[in-house]
Amino acid sequence: MIEVFLALLVVLALLWLVGVLCLRGPDLSAFDQAVGSTDASKPAPSPEHAAVVASLGTVSQTLKGTPRRQHLALLRNYIDNVFSLDEASFRFIPVNAGGVRAEWVLAPNVDTNRRLLYIHGGAYTMGSPKSHRRLTTRFSEVANAAVLSIDYRLMPEHPRMAGIEDSRTAYRWLLENGPDGVSTASAVFVAGDSAGGNLTLSLIAWIRDQGLRAPNAAVALSPATDGTLGSPSLKGNIATDPMLGPLFKSLTRIPRTALLWGGWIANRVRPCDPVVSPVFGDLSRLPPLLVHASEAEMLRDDSRRYVNKATAAGSPVTLQTWHHMVHVWQIYHPELPEGREAFEEIGKFLRANS
């Protein structure tokens, strides 16, 4: 019995050691200092923000009364329908972007030779071009560009790399194809939120390494940058994040090494590999990049560490944060004043880098 117990301890020790040496990646605590500009002029959220938080509570209650095996289907249906869009002036054109399902999103009178690839969020398991039209329509307006919103392949039906490959394929296609047919883009941008922000950051590094035409600029909204779950705010901001906190609080009780092993097995990619954790990659020679994050959200330090490291590497990266906001609060515009403010900043940034 003692021999079995000792053997078990040895196995656990080896699993922990491999997790530390091969899965966690280098220590990033040197990049934890505050950086960028914060919306300090408004220390309290707008009254409209309370309604946003209240709406999230209804989702949590619904999940509690639903069998776990049905959660993903429920969340996919919810996210595809919750952000209704009544603007009849926008056009949505289905398209095959080199083998990737997508839609063109066109605000009135935009320059279709200016193009923006949009990669939606949804924890790599949910979301679609439909679910993120509140964002893609506004990006089309502020960028004066045709937005290609891709319906990349989701987990768990597809491996993690599938979404990465779809993003790369769509970007190559975008350079030479527009809503009106084959033509070279006059300006190119890339943007994404949350998981889509992660794919955006992974993509711009790949574009640089491939020697492809670089985007004029990129935007990442509340991006996930560290698949090793090392950012302090992942635990420190659980109580202040009304969206991600209830969804992922239970995962924080699981030992980090166990989560890393699970991620490696599920994704078939080491969690610290820069292709899924952009913060661990070479962050030099990136295009101009604007990152938005909330001081209250669990992913705040993913943004902070990435921006600090990219800045140290000489890349033109800017972080702007807002107090108290929910994860990817921009999607709640125009009702949410802070969402409107965020898009004003995005518009300024894209115009400055056109």
Protein backbone atom coordinates (compact mmCIF):
# COMPACT_ATOMS: atom_id res chain seq x y z
CA MET A 1 0.00 0.00 0.00
CA ILE A 2 2.83 2.38 0.83
CA GLU A 3 4.50 1.54 -2.49
CA VAL A 4 1.30 2.45 -4.39
CA PHE A 5 0.99 5.71 -2.48
CA LEU A 6 4.62 6.62 -3.18
CA ALA A 7 4.21 5.75 -6.86
CA LEU A 8 1.15 8.00 -7.02
CA LEU A 9 3.11 10.85 -5.43
CA VAL A 10 5.89 10.40 -7.97
CA VAL A 11 3.42 10.51 -10.86
CA LEU A 12 1.74 13.65 -9.48
CA ALA A 13 5.11 15.28 -8.94
CA LEU A 14 6.12 14.51 -12.52
CA LEU A 15 2.85 15.89 -13.88
CA TRP A 16 3.35 19.06 -11.84
CA LEU A 17 6.96 19.41 -13.01
CA VAL A 18 6.04 19.00 -16.67
CA GLY A 19 3.27 21.54 -16.18
CA VAL A 20 5.70 24.08 -14.74
CA LEU A 21 8.53 23.50 -17.21
CA CYS A 22 6.63 22.85 -20.44
CA LEU A 23 3.12 24.29 -20.15
CA ARG A 24 3.23 27.48 -18.05
CA GLY A 25 5.74 29.47 -20.05
CA PRO A 26 8.09 32.13 -18.62
CA ASP A 27 7.20 34.36 -15.69
CA LEU A 28 5.43 37.52 -16.90
CA SER A 29 5.10 39.30 -13.55
CA ALA A 30 7.61 41.95 -14.69
CA PHE A 31 4.89 43.24 -17.02
CA ASP A 32 2.22 43.75 -14.36
CA GLN A 33 2.70 47.49 -13.83
CA ALA A 34 -0.13 49.84 -14.74
CA VAL A 35 0.12 51.22 -18.26
CA GLY A 36 -1.89 53.27 -20.71
CA SER A 37 -4.72 55.71 -20.18
CA THR A 38 -7.68 55.08 -17.93
CA ASP A 39 -11.09 56.73 -18.07
CA ALA A 40 -10.39 58.26 -14.66
CA SER A 41 -12.76 61.15 -15.23
CA LYS A 42 -15.70 58.81 -14.60
CA PRO A 43 -14.98 56.70 -11.51
CA ALA A 44 -18.61 55.53 -11.38
CA PRO A 45 -20.40 53.67 -14.20
CA SER A 46 -23.31 55.22 -16.03
CA PRO A 47 -26.86 54.33 -14.88
CA GLU A 48 -27.27 52.34 -18.10
CA HIS A 49 -24.49 50.01 -16.98
CA ALA A 50 -26.69 48.72 -14.15
CA ALA A 51 -29.22 47.51 -16.72
CA VAL A 52 -26.44 45.67 -18.58
CA VAL A 53 -25.35 43.90 -15.38
CA ALA A 54 -28.96 43.01 -14.55
CA SER A 55 -29.40 41.40 -17.97
CA LEU A 56 -26.40 39.16 -17.30
CA GLY A 57 -28.04 37.89 -14.14
CA THR A 58 -30.93 36.45 -16.11
CA VAL A 59 -28.51 34.33 -18.12
CA SER A 60 -26.92 32.94 -14.97
CA GLN A 61 -30.32 32.03 -13.55
CA THR A 62 -31.32 30.27 -16.76
CA LEU A 63 -28.12 28.22 -16.75
CA LYS A 64 -28.74 27.14 -13.16
CA GLY A 65 -32.04 25.60 -14.17
CA THR A 66 -30.66 23.86 -17.25
CA PRO A 67 -28.78 20.54 -17.40
CA ARG A 68 -25.04 21.15 -17.95
CA ARG A 69 -25.04 19.20 -21.23
CA GLN A 70 -27.44 21.80 -22.64
CA HIS A 71 -25.49 24.88 -21.52
CA LEU A 72 -23.50 25.37 -24.72
CA ALA A 73 -26.52 25.15 -27.01
CA LEU A 74 -28.41 27.57 -24.77
CA LEU A 75 -25.54 30.06 -24.71
CA ARG A 76 -25.06 29.84 -28.47
CA ASN A 77 -28.72 30.61 -29.06
CA TYR A 78 -28.65 33.42 -26.50
CA ILE A 79 -25.60 35.19 -27.89
CA ASP A 80 -26.89 34.93 -31.46
CA ASN A 81 -30.17 36.64 -30.60
CA VAL A 82 -29.62 38.95 -27.62
CA PHE A 83 -28.04 41.85 -29.50
CA SER A 84 -30.81 42.71 -31.91
CA LEU A 85 -30.08 45.20 -34.67
CA ASP A 86 -32.83 47.25 -36.24
CA GLU A 87 -30.72 49.35 -38.61
CA ALA A 88 -32.13 48.71 -42.07
CA SER A 89 -29.49 50.92 -43.68
CA PHE A 90 -26.71 48.33 -43.25
CA ARG A 91 -26.11 45.55 -45.75
CA PHE A 92 -25.12 42.00 -44.81
CA ILE A 93 -23.81 39.92 -47.69
CA PRO A 94 -22.98 36.21 -47.18
CA VAL A 95 -19.66 35.24 -48.76
CA ASN A 96 -17.21 32.36 -49.04
CA ALA A 97 -13.86 33.86 -48.02
CA GLY A 98 -11.47 31.36 -49.53
CA GLY A 99 -13.32 28.47 -47.92
CA VAL A 100 -14.29 30.29 -44.72
CA ARG A 101 -17.93 31.21 -44.16
CA ALA A 102 -18.33 34.92 -43.60
CA GLU A 103 -20.46 37.97 -44.28
CA TRP A 104 -19.67 41.42 -45.54
CA VAL A 105 -21.03 44.15 -43.28
CA LEU A 106 -21.49 47.46 -45.06
CA ALA A 107 -22.52 50.77 -43.53
CA PRO A 108 -24.03 53.27 -45.98
CA ASN A 109 -21.58 54.77 -48.48
CA VAL A 110 -18.43 53.13 -47.09
CA ASP A 111 -15.29 52.81 -49.19
CA THR A 112 -15.27 49.10 -50.07
CA ASN A 113 -11.58 49.22 -50.96
CA ARG A 114 -10.95 49.83 -47.28
CA ARG A 115 -11.45 46.50 -45.51
CA LEU A 116 -11.53 45.26 -41.94
CA LEU A 117 -11.39 41.63 -40.89
CA TYR A 118 -13.50 41.10 -37.76
CA ILE A 119 -13.03 38.02 -35.55
CA HIS A 120 -15.84 37.55 -33.03
CA GLY A 121 -15.53 36.45 -29.42
CA GLY A 122 -17.34 33.69 -27.56
CA ALA A 123 -14.73 31.60 -25.69
CA TYR A 124 -13.89 29.80 -28.97
CA THR A 125 -17.13 27.81 -28.56
CA MET A 126 -19.92 30.22 -29.47
CA GLY A 127 -20.67 33.37 -31.43
CA SER A 128 -21.12 34.11 -35.12
CA PRO A 129 -21.27 37.06 -37.50
CA LYS A 130 -24.92 37.49 -36.48
CA SER A 131 -24.15 37.67 -32.77
CA HIS A 132 -21.63 40.49 -33.25
CA ARG A 133 -23.40 42.75 -35.72
CA ARG A 134 -23.65 45.45 -33.05
CA LEU A 135 -19.85 45.63 -33.24
CA THR A 136 -19.26 44.98 -36.92
CA THR A 137 -21.73 47.61 -38.09
CA ARG A 138 -20.10 50.22 -35.87
CA PHE A 139 -16.63 49.19 -37.03
CA SER A 140 -17.78 49.63 -40.62
CA GLU A 141 -18.88 53.16 -39.78
CA VAL A 142 -15.86 54.34 -37.78
CA ALA A 143 -13.33 52.71 -40.15
CA ASN A 144 -15.21 53.76 -43.30
CA ALA A 145 -14.60 50.23 -44.45
CA ALA A 146 -16.24 47.02 -45.59
CA VAL A 147 -16.10 44.59 -42.66
CA LEU A 148 -15.51 40.90 -43.33
CA SER A 149 -16.99 39.12 -40.30
CA ILE A 150 -15.92 35.47 -40.31
CA ASP A 151 -17.84 32.46 -39.06
CA TYR A 152 -14.74 30.53 -38.04
CA ARG A 153 -14.98 26.91 -36.90
CA LEU A 154 -15.79 26.53 -33.20
CA MET A 155 -14.80 24.15 -30.47
CA PRO A 156 -15.58 21.47 -29.41
CA GLU A 157 -16.73 20.30 -32.84
CA HIS A 158 -13.39 21.44 -34.26
CA PRO A 159 -9.88 21.71 -32.79
CA ARG A 160 -8.55 25.00 -31.46
CA MET A 161 -6.27 25.42 -34.47
CA ALA A 162 -9.25 25.47 -36.84
CA GLY A 163 -10.24 29.01 -35.85
CA ILE A 164 -6.64 30.15 -36.19
CA GLU A 165 -6.37 28.66 -39.67
CA ASP A 166 -9.69 30.22 -40.72
CA SER A 167 -8.50 33.66 -39.57
CA ARG A 168 -5.33 33.31 -41.62
CA THR A 169 -7.19 32.13 -44.71
CA ALA A 170 -9.70 34.96 -44.48
CA TYR A 171 -6.98 37.60 -44.11
CA ARG A 172 -5.17 36.40 -47.24
CA TRP A 173 -8.47 36.41 -49.13
CA LEU A 174 -9.42 39.88 -47.86
CA LEU A 175 -6.28 41.45 -49.30
CA GLU A 176 -7.41 40.71 -52.86
CA ASN A 177 -11.20 40.45 -52.59
CA GLY A 178 -13.91 42.91 -51.65
CA PRO A 179 -17.72 43.08 -51.67
CA ASP A 180 -17.64 44.02 -55.35
CA GLY A 181 -15.30 41.24 -56.43
CA VAL A 182 -11.58 40.85 -56.98
CA SER A 183 -9.63 44.03 -56.16
CA THR A 184 -6.66 45.01 -54.04
CA ALA A 185 -7.50 46.68 -50.73
CA SER A 186 -6.38 50.29 -50.29
CA ALA A 187 -6.32 49.94 -46.49
CA VAL A 188 -6.61 46.89 -44.27
CA PHE A 189 -7.50 46.52 -40.58
CA VAL A 190 -8.02 43.62 -38.19
CA ALA A 191 -10.17 43.65 -35.05
CA GLY A 192 -11.69 41.22 -32.59
CA ASP A 193 -13.09 40.87 -29.09
CA SER A 194 -12.27 38.47 -26.25
CA ALA A 195 -11.45 35.12 -27.91
CA GLY A 196 -11.55 37.01 -31.21
CA GLY A 197 -9.08 39.46 -29.70
CA ASN A 198 -6.80 36.52 -29.00
CA LEU A 199 -7.13 35.39 -32.62
CA THR A 200 -6.45 38.95 -33.76
CA LEU A 201 -3.18 39.15 -31.82
CA SER A 202 -2.13 35.69 -32.97
CA LEU A 203 -2.93 36.69 -36.55
CA ILE A 204 -0.95 39.93 -36.69
CA ALA A 205 2.18 38.16 -35.45
CA TRP A 206 1.69 35.45 -38.09
CA ILE A 207 1.21 38.08 -40.81
CA ARG A 208 4.52 39.67 -39.82
CA ASP A 209 6.32 36.32 -39.78
CA GLN A 210 4.89 35.34 -43.17
CA GLY A 211 5.99 38.59 -44.75
CA LEU A 212 2.44 39.39 -45.85
CA ARG A 213 1.09 42.89 -46.23
CA ALA A 214 0.65 44.20 -42.69
CA PRO A 215 -2.64 45.71 -41.60
CA ASN A 216 -2.64 49.49 -41.26
CA ALA A 217 -3.82 48.96 -37.69
CA ALA A 218 -5.48 46.44 -35.39
CA VAL A 219 -7.92 46.64 -32.47
CA ALA A 220 -8.37 44.10 -29.68
CA LEU A 221 -11.29 44.44 -27.26
CA SER A 222 -10.74 42.69 -23.90
CA PRO A 223 -8.48 40.08 -25.52
CA ALA A 224 -7.42 36.81 -23.95
CA THR A 225 -3.63 36.73 -24.40
CA ASP A 226 -2.42 34.03 -21.98
CA GLY A 227 -3.71 30.47 -22.28
CA THR A 228 -1.67 29.44 -19.23
CA LEU A 229 -4.11 31.31 -16.97
CA GLY A 230 -1.29 33.23 -15.30
CA SER A 231 -2.76 36.73 -15.11
CA PRO A 232 -3.42 37.90 -11.51
CA SER A 233 -6.78 39.46 -12.41
CA LEU A 234 -8.19 36.05 -13.39
CA LYS A 235 -8.69 35.48 -9.68
CA GLY A 236 -8.41 39.03 -8.37
CA ASN A 237 -11.35 40.31 -10.43
CA ILE A 238 -13.76 37.38 -10.13
CA ALA A 239 -16.05 39.33 -7.81
CA THR A 240 -16.04 42.46 -9.99
CA ASP A 241 -16.61 40.78 -13.35
CA PRO A 242 -20.38 40.21 -13.71
CA MET A 243 -20.04 38.41 -17.05
CA LEU A 244 -17.03 36.10 -16.81
CA GLY A 245 -17.04 35.75 -13.03
CA PRO A 246 -20.20 33.59 -12.76
CA LEU A 247 -19.24 31.54 -15.84
CA PHE A 248 -15.68 30.70 -14.86
CA LYS A 249 -15.58 31.00 -11.07
CA SER A 250 -15.73 27.22 -10.64
CA LEU A 251 -12.64 26.75 -12.83
CA THR A 252 -10.54 28.86 -10.46
CA ARG A 253 -10.99 26.16 -7.81
CA ILE A 254 -9.22 23.60 -10.01
CA PRO A 255 -5.41 23.42 -9.64
CA ARG A 256 -3.73 25.40 -12.39
CA THR A 257 -1.55 22.47 -13.44
CA ALA A 258 -4.65 20.32 -13.99
CA LEU A 259 -6.16 23.05 -16.18
CA LEU A 260 -2.95 23.32 -18.19
CA TRP A 261 -2.88 19.59 -18.83
CA GLY A 262 -6.55 19.67 -19.78
CA GLY A 263 -5.93 22.55 -22.17
CA TRP A 264 -3.01 20.75 -23.80
CA ILE A 265 -5.02 17.57 -24.27
CA ALA A 266 -8.11 19.39 -25.56
CA ASN A 267 -6.33 21.85 -27.88
CA ARG A 268 -3.37 19.70 -28.92
CA VAL A 269 -1.25 22.81 -28.50
CA ARG A 270 0.85 23.70 -25.47
CA PRO A 271 -0.93 26.46 -23.51
CA CYS A 272 2.21 28.62 -23.61
CA ASP A 273 2.63 28.31 -27.39
CA PRO A 274 2.44 31.87 -28.83
CA VAL A 275 -0.04 30.71 -31.46
CA VAL A 276 -2.66 30.38 -28.70
CA SER A 277 -1.01 32.63 -26.09
CA PRO A 278 0.23 35.68 -28.04
CA VAL A 279 1.77 37.28 -24.95
CA PHE A 280 4.55 34.66 -25.03
CA GLY A 281 5.55 35.44 -28.60
CA ASP A 282 7.83 37.93 -30.28
CA LEU A 283 5.95 41.23 -29.93
CA SER A 284 8.33 43.38 -31.94
CA ARG A 285 7.51 44.94 -35.34
CA LEU A 286 3.75 44.77 -34.83
CA PRO A 287 1.38 47.17 -36.63
CA PRO A 288 -0.23 50.00 -34.65
CA LEU A 289 -2.51 48.31 -32.13
CA LEU A 290 -5.22 49.62 -29.80
CA VAL A 291 -6.27 47.45 -26.86
CA HIS A 292 -9.35 48.12 -24.72
CA ALA A 293 -10.01 46.51 -21.35
CA SER A 294 -12.10 47.07 -18.23
CA GLU A 295 -10.37 47.60 -14.90
CA ALA A 296 -13.02 45.31 -13.39
CA GLU A 297 -12.80 42.32 -15.72
CA MET A 298 -10.94 39.07 -15.22
CA LEU A 299 -8.93 39.51 -18.43
CA ARG A 300 -7.59 42.96 -17.54
CA ASP A 301 -4.07 41.74 -16.82
CA ASP A 302 -3.99 39.72 -20.05
CA SER A 303 -4.19 43.10 -21.80
CA ARG A 304 -1.81 44.84 -19.40
CA ARG A 305 0.93 42.23 -19.70
CA TYR A 306 0.64 42.04 -23.47
CA VAL A 307 0.80 45.81 -23.93
CA ASN A 308 3.73 46.22 -21.54
CA LYS A 309 5.71 43.48 -23.27
CA ALA A 310 4.88 44.78 -26.77
CA THR A 311 5.85 48.31 -25.77
CA ALA A 312 9.16 47.05 -24.36
CA ALA A 313 9.75 45.35 -27.72
CA GLY A 314 9.26 48.67 -29.53
CA SER A 315 5.81 48.09 -31.04
CA PRO A 316 3.28 50.96 -31.25
CA VAL A 317 0.69 49.51 -28.89
CA THR A 318 -1.80 51.54 -26.82
CA LEU A 319 -3.95 50.38 -23.89
CA GLN A 320 -7.09 52.24 -22.85
CA THR A 321 -9.13 51.05 -19.88
CA TRP A 322 -12.51 51.95 -18.41
CA HIS A 323 -13.62 51.63 -14.80
CA HIS A 324 -16.29 49.10 -13.75
CA MET A 325 -17.29 47.98 -17.26
CA VAL A 326 -18.44 44.49 -18.16
CA HIS A 327 -16.34 42.36 -20.50
CA VAL A 328 -16.57 43.74 -24.08
CA TRP A 329 -18.90 46.54 -23.02
CA GLN A 330 -18.60 48.09 -26.50
CA ILE A 331 -21.24 45.65 -27.78
CA TYR A 332 -23.86 47.39 -25.62
CA HIS A 333 -23.66 50.63 -27.57
CA PRO A 334 -25.51 52.82 -28.42
CA GLU A 335 -27.55 52.48 -25.21
CA LEU A 336 -24.41 52.33 -23.04
CA PRO A 337 -22.58 55.70 -22.98
CA GLU A 338 -19.24 54.03 -22.28
CA GLY A 339 -19.74 51.92 -25.40
CA ARG A 340 -20.19 55.07 -27.47
CA GLU A 341 -17.09 56.60 -25.87
CA ALA A 342 -15.03 53.51 -26.65
CA PHE A 343 -15.99 53.63 -30.32
CA GLU A 344 -15.10 57.32 -30.48
CA GLU A 345 -11.59 56.34 -29.38
CA ILE A 346 -11.49 53.46 -31.87
CA GLY A 347 -12.56 55.80 -34.67
CA LYS A 348 -9.82 58.30 -33.80
CA PHE A 349 -7.23 55.52 -33.75
CA LEU A 350 -8.25 54.02 -37.10
CA ARG A 351 -8.39 57.40 -38.80
CA ALA A 352 -4.91 58.22 -37.48
CA ASN A 353 -3.57 54.99 -38.95
CA SER A 354 -5.23 54.94 -42.35
